Structure formats: C-alpha cells, structure tokens
Amino acid sequence: MREFVYFSSKATTSGNFRDLKKAGRMDIVCHTVIMSFFVSNAIRGDVKLHLIFYGKPDPPRHLELQITEKNRKFFSKKDISGLIQRMLYKYKRGKRIEAFPSCFIEKKSFLDVAQWLAKKKTVYFLDKKGQDLREARIDKDSVFILGDHEGIPKKEKRVLEKFAKGISLGNVTYFASQSLAILQNELDRRRI
C-alpha cells in the first residue's frame, strides 16, 4: 500500500470554514486528496493519505484517509472539503476517532506520525537536495512526505533527516498536488 503524508502549517484545525483559501489554503489540501486517490475513470484503493494540519485554533490534527468499499460514498472530487470539515467536527480530545469507515482523526504531531510510520516502512521526503527520484531505489513499502506551499519547517526537517531519505523531483518547484501526481506516476511505472 502506498502512503503519503501531507504537512500544512496553516490548514485550519476547525471544521468551521467556508472559504478554502482563508482556511489555511484548504484548497491545496483538497487538490492533494484528489491526486492521492483519483485517476481517470477509477479510484486508487491502494493508497493511504495522512494529512497533518498545524493551523489555528488547536493544532495539530492528524487525519488519516483511505478509500474502501465501505466509504466510497463519502469520497467524491467535488465534496472533499465537506469530508474534511465533517472529520474535523468529529474530533474528540484525547481520542483517535473513526469519523467515517477507514477515515480517522486525532491530535498527533507531524514528527510523531512520521516516526510511527518509519517503524514499519521506509520514509522518503521531498527535498531539492535529495537524490533524484528517477535514480533512487524506492522500497515497496514506502511513505512519501510532502509539504504545503511553505514546505516542511526547518526544525522538523532536521529531525526527519535522521530517519528518512530525501528525494528530489528535479530543479522545478511544483505544487504539492503536482508533486503527488509525479510520485504516483513513477510508482505506477515501477509497479510499486
């Protein structure tokens, strides 16, 4: 199973939002979810996405999403923001809540999630200084970490470098959703 972690320093931790841009660039989050799960005329069932939000009012939030037969009705391209809103509303302090089948929410930091995933899989993070994706050896059980338009904070990145491998998509800086599409394409080509 492919796993992706998307870190957003500004995405709201409250479900009370209407304007996606003013909600800490929730529009970027929605595009990232779409690129994680949707392809032409199909849905990827082999993907798990972790969203980490550090925006106001009560960070952090860890949302874990996976599309299964039980929850397909909740996932549509046009209603991703509604799904995220409903998940944020279902948060309960001190608990990991299954907001919908195979969709969980909890208060967990970015590094806690990354270190937890590193115990069972190889972790890669996007970094301009990392090894070129086309030349890198990618393990079958892998996790890929992407940052929002501001990237991964320096403090977290220094810790991440101790247990994760940096990979680069080249000299061009892409949107998070574009980066995800490039990663998905490379994994598809390699049949990973």
N, C-alpha and C. Protein backbone atom coordinates (compact mmCIF):
# COMPACT_ATOMS: atom_id res chain seq x y z
N MET A 1 0.83 -1.18 0.00
CA MET A 1 0.00 0.00 0.00
C MET A 1 0.88 1.25 0.00
N ARG A 2 0.53 2.19 -0.84
CA ARG A 2 1.23 3.47 -0.89
C ARG A 2 0.71 4.37 0.23
N GLU A 3 1.64 5.06 0.86
CA GLU A 3 1.24 6.01 1.89
C GLU A 3 1.90 7.35 1.62
N PHE A 4 1.11 8.40 1.83
CA PHE A 4 1.59 9.76 1.66
C PHE A 4 1.25 10.56 2.89
N VAL A 5 2.15 11.47 3.25
CA VAL A 5 1.91 12.40 4.35
C VAL A 5 1.99 13.80 3.77
N TYR A 6 0.95 14.59 4.01
CA TYR A 6 0.94 15.98 3.56
C TYR A 6 0.91 16.86 4.80
N PHE A 7 1.92 17.72 4.94
CA PHE A 7 2.02 18.63 6.08
C PHE A 7 1.59 20.03 5.67
N SER A 8 0.69 20.62 6.44
CA SER A 8 0.28 22.00 6.19
C SER A 8 0.44 22.81 7.47
N SER A 9 1.24 23.84 7.39
CA SER A 9 1.47 24.69 8.57
C SER A 9 0.30 25.61 8.86
N LYS A 10 -0.58 25.81 7.88
CA LYS A 10 -1.66 26.78 8.04
C LYS A 10 -3.07 26.20 7.98
N ALA A 11 -3.26 24.98 7.49
CA ALA A 11 -4.60 24.42 7.34
C ALA A 11 -5.32 24.43 8.68
N THR A 12 -6.54 24.91 8.67
CA THR A 12 -7.32 25.06 9.89
C THR A 12 -7.55 23.72 10.60
N THR A 13 -7.64 23.78 11.90
CA THR A 13 -7.92 22.58 12.70
C THR A 13 -9.36 22.60 13.20
N SER A 14 -10.16 23.45 12.60
CA SER A 14 -11.59 23.55 12.90
C SER A 14 -12.39 23.28 11.64
N GLY A 15 -13.52 22.62 11.78
CA GLY A 15 -14.38 22.36 10.64
C GLY A 15 -15.23 23.55 10.25
N ASN A 16 -15.09 24.63 10.97
CA ASN A 16 -15.92 25.82 10.76
C ASN A 16 -15.27 26.74 9.72
N PHE A 17 -15.33 26.35 8.44
CA PHE A 17 -14.78 27.20 7.39
C PHE A 17 -15.66 27.11 6.14
N ARG A 18 -15.61 28.19 5.37
CA ARG A 18 -16.34 28.24 4.10
C ARG A 18 -15.39 28.50 2.94
N ASP A 19 -14.52 29.47 3.13
CA ASP A 19 -13.58 29.87 2.09
C ASP A 19 -12.32 29.00 2.21
N LEU A 20 -12.05 28.20 1.19
CA LEU A 20 -10.93 27.25 1.27
C LEU A 20 -9.58 27.93 1.39
N LYS A 21 -9.39 29.05 0.71
CA LYS A 21 -8.10 29.75 0.79
C LYS A 21 -7.90 30.37 2.17
N LYS A 22 -8.96 30.94 2.72
CA LYS A 22 -8.85 31.58 4.03
C LYS A 22 -8.76 30.56 5.16
N ALA A 23 -9.05 29.31 4.87
CA ALA A 23 -8.97 28.25 5.88
C ALA A 23 -7.57 27.63 5.90
N GLY A 24 -6.56 28.45 5.62
CA GLY A 24 -5.18 27.95 5.65
C GLY A 24 -4.81 27.18 4.41
N ARG A 25 -5.35 27.63 3.27
CA ARG A 25 -5.10 27.00 1.97
C ARG A 25 -5.63 25.57 1.92
N MET A 26 -6.85 25.42 2.41
CA MET A 26 -7.51 24.13 2.32
C MET A 26 -7.72 23.71 0.87
N ASP A 27 -7.69 24.67 -0.06
CA ASP A 27 -7.77 24.34 -1.48
C ASP A 27 -6.61 23.45 -1.91
N ILE A 28 -5.43 23.71 -1.35
CA ILE A 28 -4.26 22.88 -1.66
C ILE A 28 -4.46 21.48 -1.08
N VAL A 29 -5.02 21.42 0.12
CA VAL A 29 -5.31 20.12 0.75
C VAL A 29 -6.26 19.31 -0.14
N CYS A 30 -7.32 19.95 -0.63
CA CYS A 30 -8.29 19.25 -1.48
C CYS A 30 -7.65 18.73 -2.76
N HIS A 31 -6.81 19.53 -3.40
CA HIS A 31 -6.12 19.07 -4.61
C HIS A 31 -5.20 17.89 -4.29
N THR A 32 -4.58 17.92 -3.13
CA THR A 32 -3.69 16.83 -2.73
C THR A 32 -4.48 15.54 -2.51
N VAL A 33 -5.64 15.65 -1.88
CA VAL A 33 -6.50 14.47 -1.69
C VAL A 33 -6.91 13.90 -3.05
N ILE A 34 -7.30 14.76 -3.95
CA ILE A 34 -7.72 14.32 -5.29
C ILE A 34 -6.59 13.58 -5.99
N MET A 35 -5.37 14.13 -5.95
CA MET A 35 -4.24 13.49 -6.61
C MET A 35 -3.83 12.19 -5.92
N SER A 36 -4.16 12.04 -4.66
CA SER A 36 -3.84 10.81 -3.94
C SER A 36 -4.71 9.64 -4.38
N PHE A 37 -5.99 9.92 -4.58
CA PHE A 37 -6.95 8.82 -4.75
C PHE A 37 -7.59 8.68 -6.12
N PHE A 38 -7.65 9.75 -6.91
CA PHE A 38 -8.42 9.70 -8.15
C PHE A 38 -7.54 9.66 -9.38
N VAL A 39 -7.91 8.76 -10.30
CA VAL A 39 -7.34 8.72 -11.63
C VAL A 39 -8.51 8.67 -12.61
N SER A 40 -8.24 8.81 -13.88
CA SER A 40 -9.30 8.84 -14.86
C SER A 40 -10.15 7.56 -14.79
N ASN A 41 -11.42 7.74 -14.54
CA ASN A 41 -12.40 6.64 -14.50
C ASN A 41 -12.11 5.59 -13.43
N ALA A 42 -11.38 5.96 -12.39
CA ALA A 42 -11.09 4.98 -11.34
C ALA A 42 -10.70 5.68 -10.04
N ILE A 43 -10.71 4.89 -8.99
CA ILE A 43 -10.26 5.34 -7.67
C ILE A 43 -9.16 4.40 -7.22
N ARG A 44 -8.10 4.98 -6.68
CA ARG A 44 -7.00 4.16 -6.16
C ARG A 44 -7.39 3.60 -4.80
N GLY A 45 -7.45 2.30 -4.70
CA GLY A 45 -7.78 1.66 -3.43
C GLY A 45 -6.55 1.26 -2.64
N ASP A 46 -5.37 1.48 -3.22
CA ASP A 46 -4.12 1.04 -2.60
C ASP A 46 -3.35 2.20 -1.97
N VAL A 47 -4.06 3.26 -1.57
CA VAL A 47 -3.41 4.46 -1.05
C VAL A 47 -3.97 4.82 0.32
N LYS A 48 -3.08 5.24 1.19
CA LYS A 48 -3.48 5.82 2.47
C LYS A 48 -2.82 7.20 2.55
N LEU A 49 -3.62 8.20 2.92
CA LEU A 49 -3.14 9.57 2.98
C LEU A 49 -3.25 10.08 4.41
N HIS A 50 -2.16 10.68 4.89
CA HIS A 50 -2.13 11.30 6.21
C HIS A 50 -2.03 12.81 6.00
N LEU A 51 -3.00 13.53 6.53
CA LEU A 51 -2.98 14.99 6.48
C LEU A 51 -2.63 15.51 7.86
N ILE A 52 -1.63 16.36 7.94
CA ILE A 52 -1.23 16.94 9.22
C ILE A 52 -1.47 18.45 9.13
N PHE A 53 -2.35 18.95 10.00
CA PHE A 53 -2.70 20.37 10.00
C PHE A 53 -2.15 21.05 11.24
N TYR A 54 -1.46 22.17 11.04
CA TYR A 54 -0.90 22.95 12.15
C TYR A 54 -1.50 24.35 12.25
N GLY A 55 -2.64 24.56 11.61
CA GLY A 55 -3.28 25.87 11.66
C GLY A 55 -4.09 26.07 12.93
N LYS A 56 -4.66 27.26 13.06
CA LYS A 56 -5.48 27.59 14.21
C LYS A 56 -6.81 26.86 14.13
N PRO A 57 -7.53 26.64 15.20
CA PRO A 57 -7.30 27.20 16.52
C PRO A 57 -6.59 26.25 17.49
N ASP A 58 -6.49 24.94 17.16
CA ASP A 58 -5.98 23.98 18.14
C ASP A 58 -5.13 22.90 17.48
N PRO A 59 -3.93 23.26 17.00
CA PRO A 59 -3.09 22.26 16.33
C PRO A 59 -2.43 21.31 17.31
N PRO A 60 -1.92 20.20 16.84
CA PRO A 60 -2.04 19.68 15.48
C PRO A 60 -3.25 18.76 15.32
N ARG A 61 -3.57 18.45 14.09
CA ARG A 61 -4.57 17.45 13.76
C ARG A 61 -3.96 16.49 12.75
N HIS A 62 -4.21 15.21 12.97
CA HIS A 62 -3.79 14.17 12.04
C HIS A 62 -5.06 13.51 11.51
N LEU A 63 -5.27 13.65 10.20
CA LEU A 63 -6.39 12.99 9.53
C LEU A 63 -5.81 11.88 8.66
N GLU A 64 -6.34 10.70 8.80
CA GLU A 64 -5.88 9.55 8.02
C GLU A 64 -7.04 9.09 7.15
N LEU A 65 -6.81 9.04 5.84
CA LEU A 65 -7.87 8.70 4.89
C LEU A 65 -7.46 7.54 4.01
N GLN A 66 -8.42 6.66 3.76
CA GLN A 66 -8.23 5.57 2.83
C GLN A 66 -9.60 5.27 2.21
N ILE A 67 -9.62 5.05 0.92
CA ILE A 67 -10.89 4.72 0.25
C ILE A 67 -11.05 3.20 0.24
N THR A 68 -12.19 2.76 0.76
CA THR A 68 -12.53 1.35 0.77
C THR A 68 -13.95 1.19 0.22
N GLU A 69 -14.39 -0.03 0.06
CA GLU A 69 -15.77 -0.27 -0.40
C GLU A 69 -16.78 0.33 0.58
N LYS A 70 -16.44 0.35 1.86
CA LYS A 70 -17.38 0.83 2.89
C LYS A 70 -17.55 2.35 2.89
N ASN A 71 -16.58 3.09 2.38
CA ASN A 71 -16.68 4.55 2.47
C ASN A 71 -16.65 5.27 1.13
N ARG A 72 -16.76 4.56 0.02
CA ARG A 72 -16.71 5.21 -1.30
C ARG A 72 -17.75 6.30 -1.46
N LYS A 73 -18.88 6.15 -0.82
CA LYS A 73 -19.94 7.14 -0.98
C LYS A 73 -19.56 8.50 -0.37
N PHE A 74 -18.60 8.52 0.55
CA PHE A 74 -18.16 9.77 1.15
C PHE A 74 -17.14 10.51 0.29
N PHE A 75 -16.53 9.80 -0.64
CA PHE A 75 -15.46 10.37 -1.45
C PHE A 75 -15.94 10.74 -2.84
N SER A 76 -15.98 12.00 -3.13
CA SER A 76 -16.19 12.49 -4.49
C SER A 76 -15.29 13.69 -4.66
N LYS A 77 -14.85 13.94 -5.86
CA LYS A 77 -13.95 15.06 -6.10
C LYS A 77 -14.55 16.38 -5.66
N LYS A 78 -15.85 16.52 -5.87
CA LYS A 78 -16.48 17.81 -5.55
C LYS A 78 -16.80 17.98 -4.07
N ASP A 79 -16.70 16.93 -3.28
CA ASP A 79 -17.07 17.07 -1.87
C ASP A 79 -15.92 16.75 -0.91
N ILE A 80 -14.69 16.87 -1.36
CA ILE A 80 -13.54 16.59 -0.49
C ILE A 80 -13.51 17.57 0.69
N SER A 81 -13.74 18.84 0.44
CA SER A 81 -13.70 19.81 1.54
C SER A 81 -14.78 19.51 2.57
N GLY A 82 -15.95 19.07 2.12
CA GLY A 82 -17.02 18.69 3.05
C GLY A 82 -16.63 17.50 3.91
N LEU A 83 -15.95 16.53 3.32
CA LEU A 83 -15.47 15.37 4.07
C LEU A 83 -14.48 15.81 5.14
N ILE A 84 -13.55 16.67 4.78
CA ILE A 84 -12.55 17.16 5.74
C ILE A 84 -13.23 17.95 6.85
N GLN A 85 -14.19 18.80 6.49
CA GLN A 85 -14.92 19.56 7.50
C GLN A 85 -15.60 18.63 8.50
N ARG A 86 -16.29 17.62 7.98
CA ARG A 86 -17.01 16.69 8.86
C ARG A 86 -16.04 15.92 9.75
N MET A 87 -14.87 15.56 9.21
CA MET A 87 -13.88 14.86 10.03
C MET A 87 -13.38 15.77 11.15
N LEU A 88 -13.10 17.03 10.83
CA LEU A 88 -12.63 17.97 11.85
C LEU A 88 -13.68 18.19 12.94
N TYR A 89 -14.94 18.23 12.56
CA TYR A 89 -16.01 18.38 13.55
C TYR A 89 -16.11 17.18 14.48
N LYS A 90 -15.75 16.00 14.00
CA LYS A 90 -15.89 14.78 14.80
C LYS A 90 -14.72 14.55 15.76
N TYR A 91 -13.72 15.40 15.72
CA TYR A 91 -12.57 15.26 16.62
C TYR A 91 -13.01 15.30 18.08
N LYS A 92 -12.44 14.40 18.88
CA LYS A 92 -12.67 14.36 20.34
C LYS A 92 -11.31 14.38 21.02
N ARG A 93 -11.12 15.33 21.92
CA ARG A 93 -9.84 15.49 22.62
C ARG A 93 -9.39 14.18 23.26
N GLY A 94 -8.13 13.82 23.01
CA GLY A 94 -7.53 12.66 23.64
C GLY A 94 -7.90 11.32 23.02
N LYS A 95 -8.62 11.33 21.89
CA LYS A 95 -9.06 10.07 21.28
C LYS A 95 -8.73 10.02 19.80
N ARG A 96 -8.54 8.82 19.31
CA ARG A 96 -8.44 8.57 17.87
C ARG A 96 -9.84 8.14 17.44
N ILE A 97 -10.48 8.96 16.63
CA ILE A 97 -11.87 8.74 16.25
C ILE A 97 -11.95 8.26 14.80
N GLU A 98 -12.74 7.24 14.57
CA GLU A 98 -13.03 6.83 13.20
C GLU A 98 -14.25 7.64 12.76
N ALA A 99 -13.97 8.75 12.07
CA ALA A 99 -15.03 9.67 11.66
C ALA A 99 -15.95 9.04 10.62
N PHE A 100 -15.36 8.28 9.71
CA PHE A 100 -16.07 7.50 8.70
C PHE A 100 -15.29 6.21 8.54
N PRO A 101 -15.85 5.19 7.91
CA PRO A 101 -15.08 3.95 7.74
C PRO A 101 -13.71 4.23 7.10
N SER A 102 -12.66 3.78 7.75
CA SER A 102 -11.27 3.93 7.31
C SER A 102 -10.79 5.38 7.23
N CYS A 103 -11.46 6.29 7.93
CA CYS A 103 -11.06 7.70 8.00
C CYS A 103 -11.00 8.12 9.46
N PHE A 104 -9.80 8.43 9.93
CA PHE A 104 -9.57 8.69 11.35
C PHE A 104 -9.08 10.12 11.59
N ILE A 105 -9.34 10.62 12.79
CA ILE A 105 -8.82 11.92 13.19
C ILE A 105 -8.34 11.84 14.63
N GLU A 106 -7.24 12.53 14.90
CA GLU A 106 -6.67 12.57 16.25
C GLU A 106 -5.73 13.77 16.34
N LYS A 107 -5.32 14.06 17.55
CA LYS A 107 -4.32 15.11 17.77
C LYS A 107 -2.97 14.40 17.85
N LYS A 108 -2.17 14.57 16.80
CA LYS A 108 -0.87 13.91 16.73
C LYS A 108 0.04 14.78 15.89
N SER A 109 1.25 15.00 16.36
CA SER A 109 2.17 15.90 15.67
C SER A 109 2.73 15.27 14.40
N PHE A 110 3.25 16.13 13.55
CA PHE A 110 3.87 15.70 12.30
C PHE A 110 4.98 14.69 12.55
N LEU A 111 5.90 15.02 13.47
CA LEU A 111 7.03 14.12 13.72
C LEU A 111 6.58 12.82 14.37
N ASP A 112 5.57 12.86 15.22
CA ASP A 112 5.04 11.62 15.81
C ASP A 112 4.50 10.70 14.72
N VAL A 113 3.77 11.27 13.78
CA VAL A 113 3.23 10.47 12.67
C VAL A 113 4.37 9.92 11.83
N ALA A 114 5.33 10.76 11.46
CA ALA A 114 6.45 10.32 10.61
C ALA A 114 7.27 9.22 11.30
N GLN A 115 7.55 9.39 12.59
CA GLN A 115 8.34 8.38 13.31
C GLN A 115 7.56 7.08 13.49
N TRP A 116 6.26 7.18 13.69
CA TRP A 116 5.40 6.00 13.81
C TRP A 116 5.41 5.22 12.49
N LEU A 117 5.31 5.93 11.37
CA LEU A 117 5.34 5.28 10.06
C LEU A 117 6.70 4.68 9.75
N ALA A 118 7.77 5.33 10.22
CA ALA A 118 9.14 4.85 9.96
C ALA A 118 9.42 3.52 10.66
N LYS A 119 8.65 3.18 11.66
CA LYS A 119 8.84 1.90 12.34
C LYS A 119 8.42 0.72 11.48
N LYS A 120 7.59 0.98 10.46
CA LYS A 120 7.11 -0.13 9.64
C LYS A 120 7.41 0.01 8.15
N LYS A 121 7.83 1.21 7.72
CA LYS A 121 8.07 1.44 6.30
C LYS A 121 9.27 2.36 6.11
N THR A 122 9.79 2.37 4.88
CA THR A 122 10.83 3.32 4.53
C THR A 122 10.18 4.67 4.25
N VAL A 123 10.73 5.72 4.84
CA VAL A 123 10.15 7.06 4.70
C VAL A 123 11.04 7.90 3.79
N TYR A 124 10.41 8.54 2.82
CA TYR A 124 11.06 9.48 1.91
C TYR A 124 10.39 10.83 2.07
N PHE A 125 11.15 11.90 1.93
CA PHE A 125 10.54 13.22 1.93
C PHE A 125 11.08 14.01 0.75
N LEU A 126 10.22 14.86 0.21
CA LEU A 126 10.63 15.66 -0.93
C LEU A 126 11.58 16.75 -0.49
N ASP A 127 12.72 16.82 -1.18
CA ASP A 127 13.78 17.77 -0.83
C ASP A 127 14.59 18.06 -2.09
N LYS A 128 14.74 19.33 -2.42
CA LYS A 128 15.52 19.70 -3.62
C LYS A 128 16.92 19.13 -3.59
N LYS A 129 17.49 18.97 -2.40
CA LYS A 129 18.86 18.47 -2.27
C LYS A 129 18.92 16.94 -2.20
N GLY A 130 17.77 16.29 -2.25
CA GLY A 130 17.74 14.83 -2.17
C GLY A 130 18.16 14.16 -3.46
N GLN A 131 18.21 12.84 -3.41
CA GLN A 131 18.56 12.05 -4.58
C GLN A 131 17.43 12.16 -5.61
N ASP A 132 17.78 12.21 -6.88
CA ASP A 132 16.78 12.31 -7.94
C ASP A 132 15.86 11.09 -7.89
N LEU A 133 14.56 11.35 -7.96
CA LEU A 133 13.56 10.28 -7.88
C LEU A 133 13.80 9.21 -8.93
N ARG A 134 14.18 9.62 -10.12
CA ARG A 134 14.38 8.66 -11.22
C ARG A 134 15.56 7.73 -10.99
N GLU A 135 16.49 8.14 -10.13
CA GLU A 135 17.67 7.32 -9.84
C GLU A 135 17.57 6.61 -8.49
N ALA A 136 16.64 7.03 -7.67
CA ALA A 136 16.54 6.49 -6.31
C ALA A 136 15.94 5.09 -6.29
N ARG A 137 16.44 4.30 -5.39
CA ARG A 137 15.84 2.99 -5.13
C ARG A 137 14.66 3.24 -4.19
N ILE A 138 13.49 2.81 -4.59
CA ILE A 138 12.29 3.01 -3.78
C ILE A 138 11.79 1.65 -3.29
N ASP A 139 11.70 1.50 -1.99
CA ASP A 139 11.21 0.26 -1.41
C ASP A 139 9.71 0.11 -1.66
N LYS A 140 9.26 -1.13 -1.71
CA LYS A 140 7.84 -1.39 -1.97
C LYS A 140 6.96 -0.81 -0.87
N ASP A 141 7.32 -1.01 0.37
CA ASP A 141 6.55 -0.44 1.49
C ASP A 141 7.16 0.91 1.85
N SER A 142 6.63 1.94 1.22
CA SER A 142 7.20 3.28 1.38
C SER A 142 6.16 4.30 1.77
N VAL A 143 6.66 5.37 2.39
CA VAL A 143 5.85 6.53 2.75
C VAL A 143 6.56 7.74 2.17
N PHE A 144 5.78 8.63 1.56
CA PHE A 144 6.33 9.84 0.97
C PHE A 144 5.74 11.06 1.68
N ILE A 145 6.61 11.96 2.10
CA ILE A 145 6.19 13.16 2.83
C ILE A 145 6.34 14.38 1.94
N LEU A 146 5.26 15.17 1.89
CA LEU A 146 5.24 16.40 1.11
C LEU A 146 4.84 17.54 2.03
N GLY A 147 5.34 18.71 1.75
CA GLY A 147 4.94 19.90 2.49
C GLY A 147 3.99 20.76 1.68
N ASP A 148 3.37 21.70 2.34
CA ASP A 148 2.49 22.64 1.67
C ASP A 148 3.32 23.69 0.93
N HIS A 149 2.72 24.80 0.55
CA HIS A 149 3.42 25.84 -0.20
C HIS A 149 4.56 26.49 0.59
N GLU A 150 4.58 26.27 1.90
CA GLU A 150 5.68 26.80 2.73
C GLU A 150 6.71 25.73 3.04
N GLY A 151 6.45 24.50 2.67
CA GLY A 151 7.39 23.41 2.91
C GLY A 151 7.35 22.88 4.33
N ILE A 152 8.26 22.00 4.62
CA ILE A 152 8.38 21.42 5.97
C ILE A 152 9.26 22.35 6.78
N PRO A 153 8.83 22.74 7.99
CA PRO A 153 9.64 23.64 8.81
C PRO A 153 11.05 23.09 9.07
N LYS A 154 12.02 23.98 9.16
CA LYS A 154 13.43 23.59 9.31
C LYS A 154 13.66 22.68 10.51
N LYS A 155 13.03 23.01 11.63
CA LYS A 155 13.22 22.22 12.85
C LYS A 155 12.76 20.77 12.63
N GLU A 156 11.59 20.58 12.05
CA GLU A 156 11.07 19.25 11.78
C GLU A 156 11.91 18.54 10.72
N LYS A 157 12.37 19.31 9.73
CA LYS A 157 13.17 18.72 8.66
C LYS A 157 14.49 18.16 9.20
N ARG A 158 15.10 18.87 10.15
CA ARG A 158 16.36 18.37 10.74
C ARG A 158 16.15 17.02 11.44
N VAL A 159 15.03 16.86 12.10
CA VAL A 159 14.73 15.59 12.77
C VAL A 159 14.42 14.53 11.71
N LEU A 160 13.65 14.90 10.73
CA LEU A 160 13.25 13.99 9.65
C LEU A 160 14.47 13.42 8.94
N GLU A 161 15.48 14.23 8.73
CA GLU A 161 16.69 13.79 8.03
C GLU A 161 17.42 12.66 8.75
N LYS A 162 17.14 12.47 10.04
CA LYS A 162 17.80 11.42 10.81
C LYS A 162 17.25 10.03 10.50
N PHE A 163 16.01 9.94 10.02
CA PHE A 163 15.43 8.62 9.78
C PHE A 163 14.75 8.48 8.42
N ALA A 164 14.71 9.54 7.62
CA ALA A 164 14.05 9.50 6.32
C ALA A 164 15.04 9.89 5.23
N LYS A 165 14.73 9.49 4.01
CA LYS A 165 15.60 9.76 2.87
C LYS A 165 15.00 10.88 2.02
N GLY A 166 15.83 11.86 1.67
CA GLY A 166 15.39 12.95 0.81
C GLY A 166 15.41 12.54 -0.65
N ILE A 167 14.33 12.86 -1.36
CA ILE A 167 14.29 12.62 -2.80
C ILE A 167 13.87 13.91 -3.50
N SER A 168 14.35 14.07 -4.70
CA SER A 168 14.10 15.30 -5.46
C SER A 168 13.33 14.99 -6.73
N LEU A 169 12.44 15.91 -7.10
CA LEU A 169 11.72 15.80 -8.37
C LEU A 169 12.39 16.62 -9.46
N GLY A 170 13.56 17.17 -9.16
CA GLY A 170 14.29 17.97 -10.14
C GLY A 170 14.41 19.42 -9.71
N ASN A 171 14.78 20.28 -10.64
CA ASN A 171 15.06 21.68 -10.33
C ASN A 171 13.83 22.57 -10.26
N VAL A 172 12.69 22.09 -10.76
CA VAL A 172 11.47 22.88 -10.76
C VAL A 172 10.70 22.63 -9.47
N THR A 173 10.18 23.71 -8.87
CA THR A 173 9.34 23.56 -7.69
C THR A 173 7.90 23.42 -8.14
N TYR A 174 7.27 22.32 -7.75
CA TYR A 174 5.89 22.03 -8.16
C TYR A 174 4.93 22.27 -7.00
N PHE A 175 3.65 22.41 -7.34
CA PHE A 175 2.61 22.41 -6.32
C PHE A 175 2.60 21.04 -5.66
N ALA A 176 2.10 20.97 -4.44
CA ALA A 176 2.03 19.68 -3.73
C ALA A 176 1.25 18.65 -4.53
N SER A 177 0.12 19.07 -5.10
CA SER A 177 -0.70 18.13 -5.87
C SER A 177 0.04 17.66 -7.13
N GLN A 178 0.80 18.54 -7.76
CA GLN A 178 1.58 18.14 -8.93
C GLN A 178 2.69 17.17 -8.52
N SER A 179 3.31 17.45 -7.39
CA SER A 179 4.35 16.55 -6.88
C SER A 179 3.79 15.16 -6.62
N LEU A 180 2.60 15.13 -6.07
CA LEU A 180 1.95 13.85 -5.79
C LEU A 180 1.66 13.10 -7.09
N ALA A 181 1.21 13.81 -8.12
CA ALA A 181 0.95 13.18 -9.41
C ALA A 181 2.24 12.60 -10.00
N ILE A 182 3.34 13.32 -9.87
CA ILE A 182 4.63 12.83 -10.36
C ILE A 182 5.05 11.58 -9.60
N LEU A 183 4.91 11.62 -8.28
CA LEU A 183 5.24 10.44 -7.46
C LEU A 183 4.38 9.24 -7.85
N GLN A 184 3.08 9.47 -7.98
CA GLN A 184 2.16 8.38 -8.34
C GLN A 184 2.57 7.79 -9.70
N ASN A 185 2.88 8.66 -10.65
CA ASN A 185 3.27 8.18 -11.97
C ASN A 185 4.53 7.32 -11.90
N GLU A 186 5.51 7.78 -11.13
CA GLU A 186 6.75 6.99 -11.01
C GLU A 186 6.49 5.64 -10.35
N LEU A 187 5.67 5.62 -9.33
CA LEU A 187 5.35 4.36 -8.66
C LEU A 187 4.54 3.44 -9.58
N ASP A 188 3.63 4.03 -10.36
CA ASP A 188 2.87 3.24 -11.33
C ASP A 188 3.80 2.60 -12.36
N ARG A 189 4.74 3.39 -12.87
CA ARG A 189 5.68 2.88 -13.87
C ARG A 189 6.53 1.75 -13.30
N ARG A 190 6.91 1.88 -12.04
CA ARG A 190 7.74 0.85 -11.41
C ARG A 190 6.90 -0.32 -10.86
N ARG A 191 5.59 -0.19 -10.93
CA ARG A 191 4.65 -1.19 -10.39
C ARG A 191 4.89 -1.45 -8.91
N ILE A 192 5.08 -0.34 -8.19
CA ILE A 192 5.28 -0.43 -6.73
C ILE A 192 3.97 -0.09 -6.07
